[in-house]
Amino acid sequence: LFSFVINALLLLCAAWISRLFGIGFYVNGFWPAFWGGLI
């Protein structure tokens, strides 16, 4: 089940990197990233 936490962290990281490239992809916190990674 810890793999879901890894998915959330990678999704948060992807949002951060995308903003560095000027792409406005926003994930507002760990729990939205957790559920987004699950979906």
Full PDB file with SEQRES, HELIX, SHEET, SSBOND, CRYST1, ORIGX, SCALE, CONECT and MASTER records, all heavy atoms in Angstrom:
SEQRES   1 A   39  LEU PHE SER PHE VAL ILE ASN ALA LEU LEU LEU LEU CYS          
SEQRES   2 A   39  ALA ALA TRP ILE SER ARG LEU PHE GLY ILE GLY PHE TYR          
SEQRES   3 A   39  VAL ASN GLY PHE TRP PRO ALA PHE TRP GLY GLY LEU ILE          
HELIX    1 AA1 PHE A    2  LEU A   20  1                                  19    
HELIX    2 AA2 PHE A   30  LEU A   38  1                                   9    
CRYST1    1.000    1.000    1.000  90.00  90.00  90.00 P 1           1          
ORIGX1      1.000000  0.000000  0.000000        0.00000                         
ORIGX2      0.000000  1.000000  0.000000        0.00000                         
ORIGX3      0.000000  0.000000  1.000000        0.00000                         
SCALE1      1.000000  0.000000  0.000000        0.00000                         
SCALE2      0.000000  1.000000  0.000000        0.00000                         
SCALE3      0.000000  0.000000  1.000000        0.00000                         
ATOM      1  N   LEU A   1       0.812  -1.218   0.000  1.00  0.00           N  
ATOM      2  CA  LEU A   1       0.000   0.000   0.000  1.00  0.00           C  
ATOM      3  C   LEU A   1       0.847   1.270   0.000  1.00  0.00           C  
ATOM      4  O   LEU A   1       0.368   2.334  -0.392  1.00  0.00           O  
ATOM      5  CB  LEU A   1      -0.959   0.002   1.192  1.00  0.00           C  
ATOM      6  CG  LEU A   1      -2.052  -1.069   1.150  1.00  0.00           C  
ATOM      7  CD1 LEU A   1      -2.889  -1.009   2.406  1.00  0.00           C  
ATOM      8  CD2 LEU A   1      -2.916  -0.908  -0.082  1.00  0.00           C  
ATOM      9  N   PHE A   2       2.103   1.158   0.414  1.00  0.00           N  
ATOM     10  CA  PHE A   2       2.980   2.321   0.392  1.00  0.00           C  
ATOM     11  C   PHE A   2       3.239   2.795  -1.040  1.00  0.00           C  
ATOM     12  O   PHE A   2       3.625   3.947  -1.249  1.00  0.00           O  
ATOM     13  CB  PHE A   2       4.296   2.040   1.110  1.00  0.00           C  
ATOM     14  CG  PHE A   2       5.115   3.263   1.361  1.00  0.00           C  
ATOM     15  CD1 PHE A   2       4.749   4.166   2.340  1.00  0.00           C  
ATOM     16  CD2 PHE A   2       6.243   3.528   0.606  1.00  0.00           C  
ATOM     17  CE1 PHE A   2       5.491   5.317   2.570  1.00  0.00           C  
ATOM     18  CE2 PHE A   2       6.992   4.667   0.823  1.00  0.00           C  
ATOM     19  CZ  PHE A   2       6.616   5.565   1.804  1.00  0.00           C  
ATOM     20  N   SER A   3       2.995   1.945  -2.019  1.00  0.00           N  
ATOM     21  CA  SER A   3       3.169   2.363  -3.413  1.00  0.00           C  
ATOM     22  C   SER A   3       2.212   3.496  -3.772  1.00  0.00           C  
ATOM     23  O   SER A   3       2.520   4.314  -4.641  1.00  0.00           O  
ATOM     24  CB  SER A   3       2.981   1.183  -4.363  1.00  0.00           C  
ATOM     25  OG  SER A   3       1.660   0.700  -4.292  1.00  0.00           O  
ATOM     26  N   PHE A   4       1.062   3.590  -3.091  1.00  0.00           N  
ATOM     27  CA  PHE A   4       0.149   4.709  -3.328  1.00  0.00           C  
ATOM     28  C   PHE A   4       0.756   6.024  -2.836  1.00  0.00           C  
ATOM     29  O   PHE A   4       0.529   7.076  -3.439  1.00  0.00           O  
ATOM     30  CB  PHE A   4      -1.205   4.467  -2.646  1.00  0.00           C  
ATOM     31  CG  PHE A   4      -1.949   3.289  -3.206  1.00  0.00           C  
ATOM     32  CD1 PHE A   4      -2.475   2.333  -2.367  1.00  0.00           C  
ATOM     33  CD2 PHE A   4      -2.118   3.129  -4.568  1.00  0.00           C  
ATOM     34  CE1 PHE A   4      -3.163   1.245  -2.874  1.00  0.00           C  
ATOM     35  CE2 PHE A   4      -2.799   2.048  -5.092  1.00  0.00           C  
ATOM     36  CZ  PHE A   4      -3.325   1.101  -4.245  1.00  0.00           C  
ATOM     37  N   VAL A   5       1.529   5.960  -1.773  1.00  0.00           N  
ATOM     38  CA  VAL A   5       2.225   7.147  -1.286  1.00  0.00           C  
ATOM     39  C   VAL A   5       3.297   7.559  -2.294  1.00  0.00           C  
ATOM     40  O   VAL A   5       3.467   8.747  -2.585  1.00  0.00           O  
ATOM     41  CB  VAL A   5       2.840   6.888   0.109  1.00  0.00           C  
ATOM     42  CG1 VAL A   5       3.712   8.046   0.552  1.00  0.00           C  
ATOM     43  CG2 VAL A   5       1.751   6.606   1.128  1.00  0.00           C  
ATOM     44  N   ILE A   6       3.993   6.581  -2.853  1.00  0.00           N  
ATOM     45  CA  ILE A   6       4.999   6.870  -3.883  1.00  0.00           C  
ATOM     46  C   ILE A   6       4.333   7.509  -5.098  1.00  0.00           C  
ATOM     47  O   ILE A   6       4.850   8.475  -5.661  1.00  0.00           O  
ATOM     48  CB  ILE A   6       5.779   5.591  -4.258  1.00  0.00           C  
ATOM     49  CG1 ILE A   6       6.650   5.155  -3.084  1.00  0.00           C  
ATOM     50  CG2 ILE A   6       6.622   5.807  -5.511  1.00  0.00           C  
ATOM     51  CD1 ILE A   6       7.346   3.834  -3.281  1.00  0.00           C  
ATOM     52  N   ASN A   7       3.165   6.995  -5.515  1.00  0.00           N  
ATOM     53  CA  ASN A   7       2.428   7.590  -6.636  1.00  0.00           C  
ATOM     54  C   ASN A   7       2.086   9.047  -6.347  1.00  0.00           C  
ATOM     55  O   ASN A   7       2.220   9.911  -7.218  1.00  0.00           O  
ATOM     56  CB  ASN A   7       1.140   6.818  -6.909  1.00  0.00           C  
ATOM     57  CG  ASN A   7       1.378   5.478  -7.542  1.00  0.00           C  
ATOM     58  OD1 ASN A   7       2.471   5.178  -7.990  1.00  0.00           O  
ATOM     59  ND2 ASN A   7       0.351   4.655  -7.566  1.00  0.00           N  
ATOM     60  N   ALA A   8       1.642   9.327  -5.121  1.00  0.00           N  
ATOM     61  CA  ALA A   8       1.284  10.697  -4.752  1.00  0.00           C  
ATOM     62  C   ALA A   8       2.508  11.604  -4.804  1.00  0.00           C  
ATOM     63  O   ALA A   8       2.436  12.731  -5.323  1.00  0.00           O  
ATOM     64  CB  ALA A   8       0.659  10.713  -3.359  1.00  0.00           C  
ATOM     65  N   LEU A   9       3.626  11.135  -4.282  1.00  0.00           N  
ATOM     66  CA  LEU A   9       4.846  11.939  -4.303  1.00  0.00           C  
ATOM     67  C   LEU A   9       5.323  12.212  -5.727  1.00  0.00           C  
ATOM     68  O   LEU A   9       5.769  13.325  -6.043  1.00  0.00           O  
ATOM     69  CB  LEU A   9       5.946  11.254  -3.490  1.00  0.00           C  
ATOM     70  CG  LEU A   9       5.684  11.125  -1.995  1.00  0.00           C  
ATOM     71  CD1 LEU A   9       6.780  10.299  -1.326  1.00  0.00           C  
ATOM     72  CD2 LEU A   9       5.557  12.489  -1.349  1.00  0.00           C  
ATOM     73  N   LEU A  10       5.215  11.213  -6.601  1.00  0.00           N  
ATOM     74  CA  LEU A  10       5.615  11.413  -7.992  1.00  0.00           C  
ATOM     75  C   LEU A  10       4.676  12.381  -8.705  1.00  0.00           C  
ATOM     76  O   LEU A  10       5.115  13.175  -9.549  1.00  0.00           O  
ATOM     77  CB  LEU A  10       5.662  10.073  -8.725  1.00  0.00           C  
ATOM     78  CG  LEU A  10       6.796   9.141  -8.300  1.00  0.00           C  
ATOM     79  CD1 LEU A  10       6.697   7.809  -9.031  1.00  0.00           C  
ATOM     80  CD2 LEU A  10       8.143   9.780  -8.553  1.00  0.00           C  
ATOM     81  N   LEU A  11       3.384  12.340  -8.378  1.00  0.00           N  
ATOM     82  CA  LEU A  11       2.437  13.271  -8.989  1.00  0.00           C  
ATOM     83  C   LEU A  11       2.707  14.704  -8.514  1.00  0.00           C  
ATOM     84  O   LEU A  11       2.659  15.641  -9.312  1.00  0.00           O  
ATOM     85  CB  LEU A  11       1.006  12.850  -8.674  1.00  0.00           C  
ATOM     86  CG  LEU A  11      -0.097  13.561  -9.456  1.00  0.00           C  
ATOM     87  CD1 LEU A  11       0.096  13.379 -10.955  1.00  0.00           C  
ATOM     88  CD2 LEU A  11      -1.454  13.032  -9.037  1.00  0.00           C  
ATOM     89  N   LEU A  12       3.008  14.862  -7.239  1.00  0.00           N  
ATOM     90  CA  LEU A  12       3.379  16.183  -6.732  1.00  0.00           C  
ATOM     91  C   LEU A  12       4.658  16.688  -7.399  1.00  0.00           C  
ATOM     92  O   LEU A  12       4.767  17.867  -7.753  1.00  0.00           O  
ATOM     93  CB  LEU A  12       3.576  16.136  -5.214  1.00  0.00           C  
ATOM     94  CG  LEU A  12       2.314  16.114  -4.368  1.00  0.00           C  
ATOM     95  CD1 LEU A  12       2.658  15.811  -2.916  1.00  0.00           C  
ATOM     96  CD2 LEU A  12       1.571  17.425  -4.489  1.00  0.00           C  
ATOM     97  N   CYS A  13       5.611  15.799  -7.574  1.00  0.00           N  
ATOM     98  CA  CYS A  13       6.864  16.157  -8.236  1.00  0.00           C  
ATOM     99  C   CYS A  13       6.616  16.539  -9.700  1.00  0.00           C  
ATOM    100  O   CYS A  13       7.201  17.499 -10.207  1.00  0.00           O  
ATOM    101  CB  CYS A  13       7.848  15.000  -8.129  1.00  0.00           C  
ATOM    102  SG  CYS A  13       9.503  15.377  -8.694  1.00  0.00           S  
ATOM    103  N   ALA A  14       5.744  15.815 -10.375  1.00  0.00           N  
ATOM    104  CA  ALA A  14       5.411  16.117 -11.772  1.00  0.00           C  
ATOM    105  C   ALA A  14       4.743  17.487 -11.881  1.00  0.00           C  
ATOM    106  O   ALA A  14       5.019  18.245 -12.821  1.00  0.00           O  
ATOM    107  CB  ALA A  14       4.498  15.040 -12.350  1.00  0.00           C  
ATOM    108  N   ALA A  15       3.889  17.818 -10.924  1.00  0.00           N  
ATOM    109  CA  ALA A  15       3.249  19.140 -10.934  1.00  0.00           C  
ATOM    110  C   ALA A  15       4.287  20.237 -10.743  1.00  0.00           C  
ATOM    111  O   ALA A  15       4.245  21.270 -11.414  1.00  0.00           O  
ATOM    112  CB  ALA A  15       2.175  19.199  -9.850  1.00  0.00           C  
ATOM    113  N   TRP A  16       5.220  20.020  -9.837  1.00  0.00           N  
ATOM    114  CA  TRP A  16       6.269  21.008  -9.587  1.00  0.00           C  
ATOM    115  C   TRP A  16       7.151  21.197 -10.822  1.00  0.00           C  
ATOM    116  O   TRP A  16       7.450  22.325 -11.225  1.00  0.00           O  
ATOM    117  CB  TRP A  16       7.092  20.572  -8.377  1.00  0.00           C  
ATOM    118  CG  TRP A  16       8.204  21.493  -8.054  1.00  0.00           C  
ATOM    119  CD1 TRP A  16       8.118  22.733  -7.483  1.00  0.00           C  
ATOM    120  CD2 TRP A  16       9.594  21.257  -8.295  1.00  0.00           C  
ATOM    121  NE1 TRP A  16       9.372  23.279  -7.343  1.00  0.00           N  
ATOM    122  CE2 TRP A  16      10.295  22.395  -7.834  1.00  0.00           C  
ATOM    123  CE3 TRP A  16      10.313  20.198  -8.842  1.00  0.00           C  
ATOM    124  CZ2 TRP A  16      11.673  22.494  -7.921  1.00  0.00           C  
ATOM    125  CZ3 TRP A  16      11.683  20.310  -8.924  1.00  0.00           C  
ATOM    126  CH2 TRP A  16      12.353  21.438  -8.472  1.00  0.00           C  
ATOM    127  N   ILE A  17       7.559  20.085 -11.447  1.00  0.00           N  
ATOM    128  CA  ILE A  17       8.412  20.159 -12.642  1.00  0.00           C  
ATOM    129  C   ILE A  17       7.667  20.819 -13.796  1.00  0.00           C  
ATOM    130  O   ILE A  17       8.236  21.615 -14.538  1.00  0.00           O  
ATOM    131  CB  ILE A  17       8.928  18.756 -13.028  1.00  0.00           C  
ATOM    132  CG1 ILE A  17       9.901  18.239 -11.976  1.00  0.00           C  
ATOM    133  CG2 ILE A  17       9.592  18.777 -14.404  1.00  0.00           C  
ATOM    134  CD1 ILE A  17      10.286  16.781 -12.157  1.00  0.00           C  
ATOM    135  N   SER A  18       6.382  20.510 -13.946  1.00  0.00           N  
ATOM    136  CA  SER A  18       5.622  21.097 -15.055  1.00  0.00           C  
ATOM    137  C   SER A  18       5.529  22.616 -14.909  1.00  0.00           C  
ATOM    138  O   SER A  18       5.561  23.341 -15.905  1.00  0.00           O  
ATOM    139  CB  SER A  18       4.227  20.471 -15.143  1.00  0.00           C  
ATOM    140  OG  SER A  18       3.418  20.887 -14.066  1.00  0.00           O  
ATOM    141  N   ARG A  19       5.416  23.100 -13.691  1.00  0.00           N  
ATOM    142  CA  ARG A  19       5.385  24.552 -13.480  1.00  0.00           C  
ATOM    143  C   ARG A  19       6.739  25.188 -13.808  1.00  0.00           C  
ATOM    144  O   ARG A  19       6.793  26.340 -14.245  1.00  0.00           O  
ATOM    145  CB  ARG A  19       4.937  24.878 -12.066  1.00  0.00           C  
ATOM    146  CG  ARG A  19       3.446  24.641 -11.868  1.00  0.00           C  
ATOM    147  CD  ARG A  19       2.926  25.240 -10.590  1.00  0.00           C  
ATOM    148  NE  ARG A  19       3.595  24.752  -9.392  1.00  0.00           N  
ATOM    149  CZ  ARG A  19       3.264  23.650  -8.735  1.00  0.00           C  
ATOM    150  NH1 ARG A  19       2.273  22.899  -9.162  1.00  0.00           N  
ATOM    151  NH2 ARG A  19       3.923  23.293  -7.646  1.00  0.00           N  
ATOM    152  N   LEU A  20       7.839  24.439 -13.626  1.00  0.00           N  
ATOM    153  CA  LEU A  20       9.155  24.954 -14.022  1.00  0.00           C  
ATOM    154  C   LEU A  20       9.242  25.159 -15.529  1.00  0.00           C  
ATOM    155  O   LEU A  20       9.944  26.045 -16.014  1.00  0.00           O  
ATOM    156  CB  LEU A  20      10.266  24.002 -13.573  1.00  0.00           C  
ATOM    157  CG  LEU A  20      10.535  23.904 -12.077  1.00  0.00           C  
ATOM    158  CD1 LEU A  20      11.621  22.865 -11.809  1.00  0.00           C  
ATOM    159  CD2 LEU A  20      10.924  25.238 -11.495  1.00  0.00           C  
ATOM    160  N   PHE A  21       8.525  24.323 -16.292  1.00  0.00           N  
ATOM    161  CA  PHE A  21       8.499  24.432 -17.750  1.00  0.00           C  
ATOM    162  C   PHE A  21       7.407  25.376 -18.243  1.00  0.00           C  
ATOM    163  O   PHE A  21       7.187  25.493 -19.442  1.00  0.00           O  
ATOM    164  CB  PHE A  21       8.304  23.053 -18.397  1.00  0.00           C  
ATOM    165  CG  PHE A  21       9.531  22.191 -18.342  1.00  0.00           C  
ATOM    166  CD1 PHE A  21       9.563  21.073 -17.539  1.00  0.00           C  
ATOM    167  CD2 PHE A  21      10.652  22.502 -19.089  1.00  0.00           C  
ATOM    168  CE1 PHE A  21      10.681  20.264 -17.482  1.00  0.00           C  
ATOM    169  CE2 PHE A  21      11.782  21.710 -19.046  1.00  0.00           C  
ATOM    170  CZ  PHE A  21      11.802  20.593 -18.231  1.00  0.00           C  
ATOM    171  N   GLY A  22       6.710  26.021 -17.323  1.00  0.00           N  
ATOM    172  CA  GLY A  22       5.673  26.968 -17.713  1.00  0.00           C  
ATOM    173  C   GLY A  22       4.330  26.326 -18.002  1.00  0.00           C  
ATOM    174  O   GLY A  22       3.440  26.980 -18.543  1.00  0.00           O  
ATOM    175  N   ILE A  23       4.188  25.053 -17.684  1.00  0.00           N  
ATOM    176  CA  ILE A  23       2.909  24.372 -17.856  1.00  0.00           C  
ATOM    177  C   ILE A  23       2.196  24.445 -16.513  1.00  0.00           C  
ATOM    178  O   ILE A  23       2.712  23.992 -15.499  1.00  0.00           O  
ATOM    179  CB  ILE A  23       3.101  22.895 -18.264  1.00  0.00           C  
ATOM    180  CG1 ILE A  23       3.944  22.794 -19.527  1.00  0.00           C  
ATOM    181  CG2 ILE A  23       1.772  22.198 -18.412  1.00  0.00           C  
ATOM    182  CD1 ILE A  23       3.334  23.399 -20.755  1.00  0.00           C  
ATOM    183  N   GLY A  24       1.036  25.009 -16.493  1.00  0.00           N  
ATOM    184  CA  GLY A  24       0.316  25.206 -15.243  1.00  0.00           C  
ATOM    185  C   GLY A  24      -0.474  23.991 -14.812  1.00  0.00           C  
ATOM    186  O   GLY A  24      -1.697  23.957 -14.943  1.00  0.00           O  
ATOM    187  N   PHE A  25       0.207  22.973 -14.311  1.00  0.00           N  
ATOM    188  CA  PHE A  25      -0.458  21.798 -13.754  1.00  0.00           C  
ATOM    189  C   PHE A  25      -0.324  21.888 -12.247  1.00  0.00           C  
ATOM    190  O   PHE A  25       0.782  21.916 -11.718  1.00  0.00           O  
ATOM    191  CB  PHE A  25       0.186  20.514 -14.295  1.00  0.00           C  
ATOM    192  CG  PHE A  25      -0.373  19.248 -13.700  1.00  0.00           C  
ATOM    193  CD1 PHE A  25      -1.709  18.943 -13.799  1.00  0.00           C  
ATOM    194  CD2 PHE A  25       0.462  18.356 -13.048  1.00  0.00           C  
ATOM    195  CE1 PHE A  25      -2.216  17.781 -13.248  1.00  0.00           C  
ATOM    196  CE2 PHE A  25      -0.032  17.184 -12.500  1.00  0.00           C  
ATOM    197  CZ  PHE A  25      -1.379  16.900 -12.608  1.00  0.00           C  
ATOM    198  N   TYR A  26      -1.452  21.944 -11.563  1.00  0.00           N  
ATOM    199  CA  TYR A  26      -1.443  22.170 -10.123  1.00  0.00           C  
ATOM    200  C   TYR A  26      -2.085  21.004  -9.385  1.00  0.00           C  
ATOM    201  O   TYR A  26      -3.166  20.545  -9.750  1.00  0.00           O  
ATOM    202  CB  TYR A  26      -2.205  23.458  -9.780  1.00  0.00           C  
ATOM    203  CG  TYR A  26      -1.563  24.675 -10.367  1.00  0.00           C  
ATOM    204  CD1 TYR A  26      -1.988  25.184 -11.591  1.00  0.00           C  
ATOM    205  CD2 TYR A  26      -0.523  25.307  -9.714  1.00  0.00           C  
ATOM    206  CE1 TYR A  26      -1.393  26.290 -12.139  1.00  0.00           C  
ATOM    207  CE2 TYR A  26       0.082  26.426 -10.263  1.00  0.00           C  
ATOM    208  CZ  TYR A  26      -0.357  26.909 -11.473  1.00  0.00           C  
ATOM    209  OH  TYR A  26       0.246  28.003 -12.017  1.00  0.00           O  
ATOM    210  N   VAL A  27      -1.403  20.547  -8.357  1.00  0.00           N  
ATOM    211  CA  VAL A  27      -1.939  19.563  -7.423  1.00  0.00           C  
ATOM    212  C   VAL A  27      -1.783  20.203  -6.050  1.00  0.00           C  
ATOM    213  O   VAL A  27      -0.674  20.514  -5.626  1.00  0.00           O  
ATOM    214  CB  VAL A  27      -1.172  18.223  -7.491  1.00  0.00           C  
ATOM    215  CG1 VAL A  27      -1.740  17.233  -6.496  1.00  0.00           C  
ATOM    216  CG2 VAL A  27      -1.220  17.654  -8.892  1.00  0.00           C  
ATOM    217  N   ASN A  28      -2.901  20.392  -5.373  1.00  0.00           N  
ATOM    218  CA  ASN A  28      -2.900  21.166  -4.134  1.00  0.00           C  
ATOM    219  C   ASN A  28      -2.815  20.300  -2.893  1.00  0.00           C  
ATOM    220  O   ASN A  28      -3.770  20.144  -2.157  1.00  0.00           O  
ATOM    221  CB  ASN A  28      -4.150  22.051  -4.077  1.00  0.00           C  
ATOM    222  CG  ASN A  28      -4.161  23.067  -5.186  1.00  0.00           C  
ATOM    223  OD1 ASN A  28      -3.129  23.623  -5.507  1.00  0.00           O  
ATOM    224  ND2 ASN A  28      -5.310  23.277  -5.795  1.00  0.00           N  
ATOM    225  N   GLY A  29      -1.657  19.702  -2.669  1.00  0.00           N  
ATOM    226  CA  GLY A  29      -1.419  18.968  -1.443  1.00  0.00           C  
ATOM    227  C   GLY A  29      -1.291  17.469  -1.633  1.00  0.00           C  
ATOM    228  O   GLY A  29      -1.462  16.933  -2.723  1.00  0.00           O  
ATOM    229  N   PHE A  30      -0.976  16.819  -0.510  1.00  0.00           N  
ATOM    230  CA  PHE A  30      -0.716  15.386  -0.552  1.00  0.00           C  
ATOM    231  C   PHE A  30      -1.981  14.573  -0.849  1.00  0.00           C  
ATOM    232  O   PHE A  30      -1.948  13.670  -1.678  1.00  0.00           O  
ATOM    233  CB  PHE A  30      -0.109  14.913   0.772  1.00  0.00           C  
ATOM    234  CG  PHE A  30       0.051  13.417   0.833  1.00  0.00           C  
ATOM    235  CD1 PHE A  30       1.098  12.809   0.167  1.00  0.00           C  
ATOM    236  CD2 PHE A  30      -0.863  12.624   1.511  1.00  0.00           C  
ATOM    237  CE1 PHE A  30       1.247  11.430   0.188  1.00  0.00           C  
ATOM    238  CE2 PHE A  30      -0.725  11.248   1.550  1.00  0.00           C  
ATOM    239  CZ  PHE A  30       0.331  10.644   0.886  1.00  0.00           C  
ATOM    240  N   TRP A  31      -3.089  14.857  -0.158  1.00  0.00           N  
ATOM    241  CA  TRP A  31      -4.285  14.032  -0.349  1.00  0.00           C  
ATOM    242  C   TRP A  31      -4.873  14.143  -1.747  1.00  0.00           C  
ATOM    243  O   TRP A  31      -5.276  13.124  -2.330  1.00  0.00           O  
ATOM    244  CB  TRP A  31      -5.320  14.311   0.742  1.00  0.00           C  
ATOM    245  CG  TRP A  31      -4.856  13.737   2.045  1.00  0.00           C  
ATOM    246  CD1 TRP A  31      -4.430  14.426   3.133  1.00  0.00           C  
ATOM    247  CD2 TRP A  31      -4.700  12.343   2.360  1.00  0.00           C  
ATOM    248  NE1 TRP A  31      -4.024  13.557   4.124  1.00  0.00           N  
ATOM    249  CE2 TRP A  31      -4.188  12.270   3.672  1.00  0.00           C  
ATOM    250  CE3 TRP A  31      -4.944  11.161   1.681  1.00  0.00           C  
ATOM    251  CZ2 TRP A  31      -3.922  11.061   4.307  1.00  0.00           C  
ATOM    252  CZ3 TRP A  31      -4.681   9.956   2.304  1.00  0.00           C  
ATOM    253  CH2 TRP A  31      -4.176   9.914   3.600  1.00  0.00           C  
ATOM    254  N   PRO A  32      -4.939  15.330  -2.349  1.00  0.00           N  
ATOM    255  CA  PRO A  32      -5.349  15.369  -3.757  1.00  0.00           C  
ATOM    256  C   PRO A  32      -4.393  14.580  -4.661  1.00  0.00           C  
ATOM    257  O   PRO A  32      -4.827  13.912  -5.600  1.00  0.00           O  
ATOM    258  CB  PRO A  32      -5.334  16.859  -4.094  1.00  0.00           C  
ATOM    259  CG  PRO A  32      -5.592  17.525  -2.798  1.00  0.00           C  
ATOM    260  CD  PRO A  32      -4.889  16.683  -1.776  1.00  0.00           C  
ATOM    261  N   ALA A  33      -3.092  14.628  -4.352  1.00  0.00           N  
ATOM    262  CA  ALA A  33      -2.124  13.849  -5.130  1.00  0.00           C  
ATOM    263  C   ALA A  33      -2.334  12.355  -4.900  1.00  0.00           C  
ATOM    264  O   ALA A  33      -2.204  11.548  -5.829  1.00  0.00           O  
ATOM    265  CB  ALA A  33      -0.698  14.244  -4.759  1.00  0.00           C  
ATOM    266  N   PHE A  34      -2.650  11.978  -3.677  1.00  0.00           N  
ATOM    267  CA  PHE A  34      -2.905  10.573  -3.358  1.00  0.00           C  
ATOM    268  C   PHE A  34      -4.084  10.052  -4.173  1.00  0.00           C  
ATOM    269  O   PHE A  34      -3.987   9.010  -4.834  1.00  0.00           O  
ATOM    270  CB  PHE A  34      -3.180  10.431  -1.856  1.00  0.00           C  
ATOM    271  CG  PHE A  34      -3.485   9.025  -1.422  1.00  0.00           C  
ATOM    272  CD1 PHE A  34      -2.453   8.150  -1.136  1.00  0.00           C  
ATOM    273  CD2 PHE A  34      -4.792   8.579  -1.307  1.00  0.00           C  
ATOM    274  CE1 PHE A  34      -2.719   6.850  -0.727  1.00  0.00           C  
ATOM    275  CE2 PHE A  34      -5.069   7.286  -0.903  1.00  0.00           C  
ATOM    276  CZ  PHE A  34      -4.030   6.416  -0.614  1.00  0.00           C  
ATOM    277  N   TRP A  35      -5.211  10.766  -4.123  1.00  0.00           N  
ATOM    278  CA  TRP A  35      -6.394  10.314  -4.866  1.00  0.00           C  
ATOM    279  C   TRP A  35      -6.182  10.432  -6.376  1.00  0.00           C  
ATOM    280  O   TRP A  35      -6.639   9.567  -7.137  1.00  0.00           O  
ATOM    281  CB  TRP A  35      -7.629  11.089  -4.422  1.00  0.00           C  
ATOM    282  CG  TRP A  35      -8.003  10.765  -3.011  1.00  0.00           C  
ATOM    283  CD1 TRP A  35      -7.902  11.588  -1.934  1.00  0.00           C  
ATOM    284  CD2 TRP A  35      -8.470   9.500  -2.519  1.00  0.00           C  
ATOM    285  NE1 TRP A  35      -8.290  10.924  -0.801  1.00  0.00           N  
ATOM    286  CE2 TRP A  35      -8.648   9.639  -1.124  1.00  0.00           C  
ATOM    287  CE3 TRP A  35      -8.754   8.276  -3.101  1.00  0.00           C  
ATOM    288  CZ2 TRP A  35      -9.097   8.602  -0.324  1.00  0.00           C  
ATOM    289  CZ3 TRP A  35      -9.207   7.242  -2.302  1.00  0.00           C  
ATOM    290  CH2 TRP A  35      -9.372   7.405  -0.937  1.00  0.00           C  
ATOM    291  N   GLY A  36      -5.478  11.464  -6.810  1.00  0.00           N  
ATOM    292  CA  GLY A  36      -5.173  11.597  -8.239  1.00  0.00           C  
ATOM    293  C   GLY A  36      -4.280  10.475  -8.734  1.00  0.00           C  
ATOM    294  O   GLY A  36      -4.505   9.914  -9.808  1.00  0.00           O  
ATOM    295  N   GLY A  37      -3.274  10.122  -7.941  1.00  0.00           N  
ATOM    296  CA  GLY A  37      -2.406   9.002  -8.309  1.00  0.00           C  
ATOM    297  C   GLY A  37      -3.160   7.689  -8.360  1.00  0.00           C  
ATOM    298  O   GLY A  37      -2.917   6.842  -9.221  1.00  0.00           O  
ATOM    299  N   LEU A  38      -4.103   7.518  -7.440  1.00  0.00           N  
ATOM    300  CA  LEU A  38      -4.922   6.310  -7.428  1.00  0.00           C  
ATOM    301  C   LEU A  38      -5.787   6.229  -8.683  1.00  0.00           C  
ATOM    302  O   LEU A  38      -5.873   5.174  -9.324  1.00  0.00           O  
ATOM    303  CB  LEU A  38      -5.788   6.305  -6.167  1.00  0.00           C  
ATOM    304  CG  LEU A  38      -6.496   5.024  -5.808  1.00  0.00           C  
ATOM    305  CD1 LEU A  38      -5.497   3.933  -5.473  1.00  0.00           C  
ATOM    306  CD2 LEU A  38      -7.428   5.261  -4.630  1.00  0.00           C  
ATOM    307  N   ILE A  39      -6.396   7.343  -9.057  1.00  0.00           N  
ATOM    308  CA  ILE A  39      -7.244   7.361 -10.258  1.00  0.00           C  
ATOM    309  C   ILE A  39      -6.402   7.142 -11.511  1.00  0.00           C  
ATOM    310  O   ILE A  39      -6.788   6.365 -12.400  1.00  0.00           O  
ATOM    311  CB  ILE A  39      -8.031   8.684 -10.337  1.00  0.00           C  
ATOM    312  CG1 ILE A  39      -9.028   8.768  -9.184  1.00  0.00           C  
ATOM    313  CG2 ILE A  39      -8.757   8.804 -11.669  1.00  0.00           C  
ATOM    314  CD1 ILE A  39      -9.667  10.138  -9.015  1.00  0.00           C  
TER     315      ILE A  39                                                      
MASTER        0    0    0    2    0    0    0    6  314    1    0    3          
END                                                                             
